[in-house]
Amino acid sequence: MPNPLVRRMTPQSKTNVDRPVAETPIPESIHGHVFPYRGMEQHGVAPTEDDRTLPADYWDERRGVEIEYEPDRPAPDPIPVYVVNSGGRELRRLRVFRAYATGSASPVGGARNVVNSDAISGTRRRVKIKNLDTTTVYIGDEANTASAMHGWPLAQNEVYETDSQEDLWALGTGTADSPLAVAVEYAVIVNG
């Protein structure tokens, strides 16, 4: 049984009455003198020779002048270079600030970034994080690792210390945000 949802096409005219007739293409041909490497531009000078009557190897001997290159001079021996700190000494600095771990009632949801990465400047030497809240706080290097399963637990007044230069994230177990005391030690090069 034929499909009732498919319409059959009505017969169309088999003649090309409505269609235009295509023209036969004519291949292009070059009229005039063609100079090798230049094309047809004469630059104001009429050609003295007919290029179409020249032998095939005519331009091979007129292509240019053979150039003899001088041999390269031997390279000098490399000079050893030693990287030396030109001046100054390393001065250790300290930055202390307050950060907050996300609580369960926080509109942020999930862990919060409490210390940013120091991968570009590389001046950070140590980070210390102290939990100032009565609830436990979990520390991780990513938002999903700062959790009860993967994070480092910090009880009240405990200190977490690391030399890592990665981000540090914190997630609290209380309903309110948990305060953290953060101390970041970094180095500055001082001249003199």
C-alpha atoms as a PDB file:
ATOM      1  CA  MET A   1       0.000   0.000   0.000  1.00  0.00           C
ATOM      2  CA  PRO A   2       1.452   3.395  -0.888  1.00  0.00           C
ATOM      3  CA  ASN A   3       2.242   5.839   1.878  1.00  0.00           C
ATOM      4  CA  PRO A   4      -0.640   8.352   2.200  1.00  0.00           C
ATOM      5  CA  LEU A   5       1.699  11.034   3.629  1.00  0.00           C
ATOM      6  CA  VAL A   6       3.847  11.198   0.506  1.00  0.00           C
ATOM      7  CA  ARG A   7       2.465  13.228  -2.383  1.00  0.00           C
ATOM      8  CA  ARG A   8       3.254  12.167  -5.851  1.00  0.00           C
ATOM      9  CA  MET A   9       4.628  14.782  -8.170  1.00  0.00           C
ATOM     10  CA  THR A  10       2.387  15.718 -11.049  1.00  0.00           C
ATOM     11  CA  PRO A  11       3.925  15.174 -14.462  1.00  0.00           C
ATOM     12  CA  GLN A  12       5.867  18.169 -15.742  1.00  0.00           C
ATOM     13  CA  SER A  13       6.638  19.290 -19.261  1.00  0.00           C
ATOM     14  CA  LYS A  14       9.487  17.374 -20.870  1.00  0.00           C
ATOM     15  CA  THR A  15      10.511  20.226 -23.142  1.00  0.00           C
ATOM     16  CA  ASN A  16      12.903  23.097 -22.309  1.00  0.00           C
ATOM     17  CA  VAL A  17      10.436  25.808 -23.171  1.00  0.00           C
ATOM     18  CA  ASP A  18      10.813  27.744 -19.921  1.00  0.00           C
ATOM     19  CA  ARG A  19      14.555  27.282 -19.514  1.00  0.00           C
ATOM     20  CA  PRO A  20      17.241  29.434 -21.189  1.00  0.00           C
ATOM     21  CA  VAL A  21      19.638  27.720 -23.541  1.00  0.00           C
ATOM     22  CA  ALA A  22      23.228  27.599 -22.294  1.00  0.00           C
ATOM     23  CA  GLU A  23      25.975  29.037 -24.468  1.00  0.00           C
ATOM     24  CA  THR A  24      28.980  26.977 -25.422  1.00  0.00           C
ATOM     25  CA  PRO A  25      32.093  28.332 -23.653  1.00  0.00           C
ATOM     26  CA  ILE A  26      34.909  29.682 -25.799  1.00  0.00           C
ATOM     27  CA  PRO A  27      38.428  29.045 -24.475  1.00  0.00           C
ATOM     28  CA  GLU A  28      40.509  32.176 -23.963  1.00  0.00           C
ATOM     29  CA  SER A  29      43.557  32.780 -26.101  1.00  0.00           C
ATOM     30  CA  ILE A  30      46.321  35.315 -25.689  1.00  0.00           C
ATOM     31  CA  HIS A  31      46.702  37.881 -28.445  1.00  0.00           C
ATOM     32  CA  GLY A  32      50.069  39.583 -28.498  1.00  0.00           C
ATOM     33  CA  HIS A  33      53.558  39.122 -27.228  1.00  0.00           C
ATOM     34  CA  VAL A  34      54.106  37.326 -23.870  1.00  0.00           C
ATOM     35  CA  PHE A  35      57.393  38.060 -22.072  1.00  0.00           C
ATOM     36  CA  PRO A  36      58.795  35.451 -19.723  1.00  0.00           C
ATOM     37  CA  TYR A  37      58.457  36.458 -16.032  1.00  0.00           C
ATOM     38  CA  ARG A  38      56.681  39.708 -17.030  1.00  0.00           C
ATOM     39  CA  GLY A  39      53.521  38.810 -18.878  1.00  0.00           C
ATOM     40  CA  MET A  40      52.193  41.042 -21.638  1.00  0.00           C
ATOM     41  CA  GLU A  41      53.220  44.447 -20.261  1.00  0.00           C
ATOM     42  CA  GLN A  42      55.598  46.157 -22.725  1.00  0.00           C
ATOM     43  CA  HIS A  43      56.466  49.183 -20.564  1.00  0.00           C
ATOM     44  CA  GLY A  44      56.511  51.492 -23.568  1.00  0.00           C
ATOM     45  CA  VAL A  45      58.969  49.422 -25.632  1.00  0.00           C
ATOM     46  CA  ALA A  46      57.723  47.436 -28.594  1.00  0.00           C
ATOM     47  CA  PRO A  47      59.063  43.887 -28.785  1.00  0.00           C
ATOM     48  CA  THR A  48      61.773  43.367 -31.382  1.00  0.00           C
ATOM     49  CA  GLU A  49      61.395  39.609 -31.584  1.00  0.00           C
ATOM     50  CA  ASP A  50      58.364  37.465 -32.023  1.00  0.00           C
ATOM     51  CA  ASP A  51      58.330  35.140 -29.016  1.00  0.00           C
ATOM     52  CA  ARG A  52      56.184  32.589 -30.781  1.00  0.00           C
ATOM     53  CA  THR A  53      58.863  31.834 -33.363  1.00  0.00           C
ATOM     54  CA  LEU A  54      61.803  31.426 -30.944  1.00  0.00           C
ATOM     55  CA  PRO A  55      63.186  27.989 -30.131  1.00  0.00           C
ATOM     56  CA  ALA A  56      62.139  26.453 -26.827  1.00  0.00           C
ATOM     57  CA  ASP A  57      65.633  26.787 -25.268  1.00  0.00           C
ATOM     58  CA  TYR A  58      66.100  30.445 -26.320  1.00  0.00           C
ATOM     59  CA  TRP A  59      65.488  31.874 -22.843  1.00  0.00           C
ATOM     60  CA  ASP A  60      67.556  29.240 -21.022  1.00  0.00           C
ATOM     61  CA  GLU A  61      70.845  30.940 -21.868  1.00  0.00           C
ATOM     62  CA  ARG A  62      69.498  34.465 -21.286  1.00  0.00           C
ATOM     63  CA  ARG A  63      68.024  33.859 -17.809  1.00  0.00           C
ATOM     64  CA  GLY A  64      70.745  35.614 -15.882  1.00  0.00           C
ATOM     65  CA  VAL A  65      74.340  35.594 -14.867  1.00  0.00           C
ATOM     66  CA  GLU A  66      75.885  32.792 -12.866  1.00  0.00           C
ATOM     67  CA  ILE A  67      76.882  34.047  -9.430  1.00  0.00           C
ATOM     68  CA  GLU A  68      79.801  32.621  -7.534  1.00  0.00           C
ATOM     69  CA  TYR A  69      79.319  32.942  -3.804  1.00  0.00           C
ATOM     70  CA  GLU A  70      82.206  33.367  -1.415  1.00  0.00           C
ATOM     71  CA  PRO A  71      82.543  30.572   1.114  1.00  0.00           C
ATOM     72  CA  ASP A  72      81.188  31.343   4.574  1.00  0.00           C
ATOM     73  CA  ARG A  73      83.666  32.450   7.173  1.00  0.00           C
ATOM     74  CA  PRO A  74      83.999  30.129  10.127  1.00  0.00           C
ATOM     75  CA  ALA A  75      81.863  31.196  13.074  1.00  0.00           C
ATOM     76  CA  PRO A  76      83.702  32.476  16.153  1.00  0.00           C
ATOM     77  CA  ASP A  77      83.778  30.347  19.265  1.00  0.00           C
ATOM     78  CA  PRO A  78      80.809  31.054  21.551  1.00  0.00           C
ATOM     79  CA  ILE A  79      81.451  33.198  24.598  1.00  0.00           C
ATOM     80  CA  PRO A  80      80.257  31.560  27.803  1.00  0.00           C
ATOM     81  CA  VAL A  81      77.570  33.595  29.551  1.00  0.00           C
ATOM     82  CA  TYR A  82      76.875  33.335  33.254  1.00  0.00           C
ATOM     83  CA  VAL A  83      73.657  34.742  34.684  1.00  0.00           C
ATOM     84  CA  VAL A  84      74.520  36.637  37.827  1.00  0.00           C
ATOM     85  CA  ASN A  85      72.176  38.617  40.015  1.00  0.00           C
ATOM     86  CA  SER A  86      73.395  42.112  39.231  1.00  0.00           C
ATOM     87  CA  GLY A  87      72.542  43.654  42.520  1.00  0.00           C
ATOM     88  CA  GLY A  88      70.615  43.669  45.691  1.00  0.00           C
ATOM     89  CA  ARG A  89      69.314  41.048  47.964  1.00  0.00           C
ATOM     90  CA  GLU A  90      66.032  39.325  48.579  1.00  0.00           C
ATOM     91  CA  LEU A  91      63.779  41.090  51.051  1.00  0.00           C
ATOM     92  CA  ARG A  92      61.032  38.965  52.597  1.00  0.00           C
ATOM     93  CA  ARG A  93      57.707  40.777  52.971  1.00  0.00           C
ATOM     94  CA  LEU A  94      54.470  39.790  54.674  1.00  0.00           C
ATOM     95  CA  ARG A  95      50.863  40.523  53.789  1.00  0.00           C
ATOM     96  CA  VAL A  96      48.122  39.636  56.251  1.00  0.00           C
ATOM     97  CA  PHE A  97      44.425  39.794  55.406  1.00  0.00           C
ATOM     98  CA  ARG A  98      41.070  38.295  56.348  1.00  0.00           C
ATOM     99  CA  ALA A  99      39.249  35.869  54.038  1.00  0.00           C
ATOM    100  CA  TYR A 100      35.998  33.970  54.425  1.00  0.00           C
ATOM    101  CA  ALA A 101      35.228  30.339  53.658  1.00  0.00           C
ATOM    102  CA  THR A 102      31.821  29.781  52.148  1.00  0.00           C
ATOM    103  CA  GLY A 103      29.108  28.572  54.511  1.00  0.00           C
ATOM    104  CA  SER A 104      26.095  26.460  53.569  1.00  0.00           C
ATOM    105  CA  ALA A 105      23.722  29.466  53.725  1.00  0.00           C
ATOM    106  CA  SER A 106      25.952  31.607  51.489  1.00  0.00           C
ATOM    107  CA  PRO A 107      24.452  32.708  48.142  1.00  0.00           C
ATOM    108  CA  VAL A 108      27.831  31.983  46.492  1.00  0.00           C
ATOM    109  CA  GLY A 109      27.512  28.227  46.885  1.00  0.00           C
ATOM    110  CA  GLY A 110      30.505  25.911  46.770  1.00  0.00           C
ATOM    111  CA  ALA A 111      34.058  26.736  47.805  1.00  0.00           C
ATOM    112  CA  ARG A 112      35.477  30.263  47.681  1.00  0.00           C
ATOM    113  CA  ASN A 113      38.907  31.295  46.379  1.00  0.00           C
ATOM    114  CA  VAL A 114      40.781  32.695  49.404  1.00  0.00           C
ATOM    115  CA  VAL A 115      44.340  32.971  47.967  1.00  0.00           C
ATOM    116  CA  ASN A 116      45.046  33.590  44.275  1.00  0.00           C
ATOM    117  CA  SER A 117      47.692  31.800  42.222  1.00  0.00           C
ATOM    118  CA  ASP A 118      51.245  33.148  42.124  1.00  0.00           C
ATOM    119  CA  ALA A 119      52.413  31.171  39.088  1.00  0.00           C
ATOM    120  CA  ILE A 120      53.241  34.268  36.985  1.00  0.00           C
ATOM    121  CA  SER A 121      55.374  36.379  39.314  1.00  0.00           C
ATOM    122  CA  GLY A 122      56.695  33.542  41.460  1.00  0.00           C
ATOM    123  CA  THR A 123      57.460  35.815  44.419  1.00  0.00           C
ATOM    124  CA  ARG A 124      55.272  34.039  46.972  1.00  0.00           C
ATOM    125  CA  ARG A 125      57.270  31.893  49.400  1.00  0.00           C
ATOM    126  CA  ARG A 126      54.745  30.679  51.979  1.00  0.00           C
ATOM    127  CA  VAL A 127      51.050  30.898  52.862  1.00  0.00           C
ATOM    128  CA  LYS A 128      49.560  30.347  56.309  1.00  0.00           C
ATOM    129  CA  ILE A 129      45.809  30.050  56.857  1.00  0.00           C
ATOM    130  CA  LYS A 130      44.306  30.017  60.360  1.00  0.00           C
ATOM    131  CA  ASN A 131      40.691  29.060  61.042  1.00  0.00           C
ATOM    132  CA  LEU A 132      39.077  31.663  63.344  1.00  0.00           C
ATOM    133  CA  ASP A 133      35.646  29.995  63.405  1.00  0.00           C
ATOM    134  CA  THR A 134      34.346  27.253  65.712  1.00  0.00           C
ATOM    135  CA  THR A 135      33.343  25.070  62.731  1.00  0.00           C
ATOM    136  CA  THR A 136      35.661  23.035  60.525  1.00  0.00           C
ATOM    137  CA  VAL A 137      36.951  24.536  57.267  1.00  0.00           C
ATOM    138  CA  TYR A 138      38.272  22.440  54.358  1.00  0.00           C
ATOM    139  CA  ILE A 139      41.161  23.744  52.203  1.00  0.00           C
ATOM    140  CA  GLY A 140      41.854  22.572  48.628  1.00  0.00           C
ATOM    141  CA  ASP A 141      43.788  23.584  45.520  1.00  0.00           C
ATOM    142  CA  GLU A 142      40.606  23.669  43.393  1.00  0.00           C
ATOM    143  CA  ALA A 143      36.963  24.453  44.084  1.00  0.00           C
ATOM    144  CA  ASN A 144      35.962  20.799  43.906  1.00  0.00           C
ATOM    145  CA  THR A 145      38.814  19.557  46.158  1.00  0.00           C
ATOM    146  CA  ALA A 146      37.898  21.923  49.016  1.00  0.00           C
ATOM    147  CA  SER A 147      35.358  19.481  50.422  1.00  0.00           C
ATOM    148  CA  ALA A 148      34.934  17.064  53.316  1.00  0.00           C
ATOM    149  CA  MET A 149      36.096  14.199  51.101  1.00  0.00           C
ATOM    150  CA  HIS A 150      39.181  15.741  49.448  1.00  0.00           C
ATOM    151  CA  GLY A 151      40.078  18.884  51.411  1.00  0.00           C
ATOM    152  CA  TRP A 152      42.482  19.502  54.286  1.00  0.00           C
ATOM    153  CA  PRO A 153      40.420  19.926  57.483  1.00  0.00           C
ATOM    154  CA  LEU A 154      41.102  22.912  59.720  1.00  0.00           C
ATOM    155  CA  ALA A 155      39.521  22.878  63.181  1.00  0.00           C
ATOM    156  CA  GLN A 156      39.223  26.012  65.327  1.00  0.00           C
ATOM    157  CA  ASN A 157      42.576  27.879  65.681  1.00  0.00           C
ATOM    158  CA  GLU A 158      44.462  25.333  63.537  1.00  0.00           C
ATOM    159  CA  VAL A 159      46.946  26.622  60.949  1.00  0.00           C
ATOM    160  CA  TYR A 160      47.477  25.297  57.420  1.00  0.00           C
ATOM    161  CA  GLU A 161      50.876  26.165  55.891  1.00  0.00           C
ATOM    162  CA  THR A 162      52.041  25.597  52.290  1.00  0.00           C
ATOM    163  CA  ASP A 163      54.806  26.631  49.870  1.00  0.00           C
ATOM    164  CA  SER A 164      52.553  26.032  46.854  1.00  0.00           C
ATOM    165  CA  GLN A 165      51.993  28.797  44.314  1.00  0.00           C
ATOM    166  CA  GLU A 166      48.555  27.525  43.265  1.00  0.00           C
ATOM    167  CA  ASP A 167      45.127  28.893  44.158  1.00  0.00           C
ATOM    168  CA  LEU A 168      43.751  27.980  47.570  1.00  0.00           C
ATOM    169  CA  TRP A 169      40.021  27.424  48.058  1.00  0.00           C
ATOM    170  CA  ALA A 170      38.055  27.112  51.316  1.00  0.00           C
ATOM    171  CA  LEU A 171      34.696  25.621  52.224  1.00  0.00           C
ATOM    172  CA  GLY A 172      33.160  25.924  55.707  1.00  0.00           C
ATOM    173  CA  THR A 173      30.861  23.435  57.390  1.00  0.00           C
ATOM    174  CA  GLY A 174      28.761  26.021  59.253  1.00  0.00           C
ATOM    175  CA  THR A 175      25.765  27.888  57.935  1.00  0.00           C
ATOM    176  CA  ALA A 176      27.488  31.302  58.025  1.00  0.00           C
ATOM    177  CA  ASP A 177      30.735  32.202  56.293  1.00  0.00           C
ATOM    178  CA  SER A 178      33.790  31.171  58.346  1.00  0.00           C
ATOM    179  CA  PRO A 179      36.492  33.836  58.915  1.00  0.00           C
ATOM    180  CA  LEU A 180      40.099  32.914  58.099  1.00  0.00           C
ATOM    181  CA  ALA A 181      43.313  34.776  58.888  1.00  0.00           C
ATOM    182  CA  VAL A 182      45.700  34.551  55.916  1.00  0.00           C
ATOM    183  CA  ALA A 183      49.404  35.453  55.971  1.00  0.00           C
ATOM    184  CA  VAL A 184      51.284  35.506  52.654  1.00  0.00           C
ATOM    185  CA  GLU A 185      55.093  35.745  52.670  1.00  0.00           C
ATOM    186  CA  TYR A 186      56.662  36.923  49.433  1.00  0.00           C
ATOM    187  CA  ALA A 187      60.084  38.101  48.270  1.00  0.00           C
ATOM    188  CA  VAL A 188      61.127  41.412  46.729  1.00  0.00           C
ATOM    189  CA  ILE A 189      64.543  42.044  45.151  1.00  0.00           C
ATOM    190  CA  VAL A 190      66.091  45.170  46.685  1.00  0.00           C
ATOM    191  CA  ASN A 191      68.999  46.894  44.893  1.00  0.00           C
ATOM    192  CA  GLY A 192      71.875  48.312  46.874  1.00  0.00           C
END
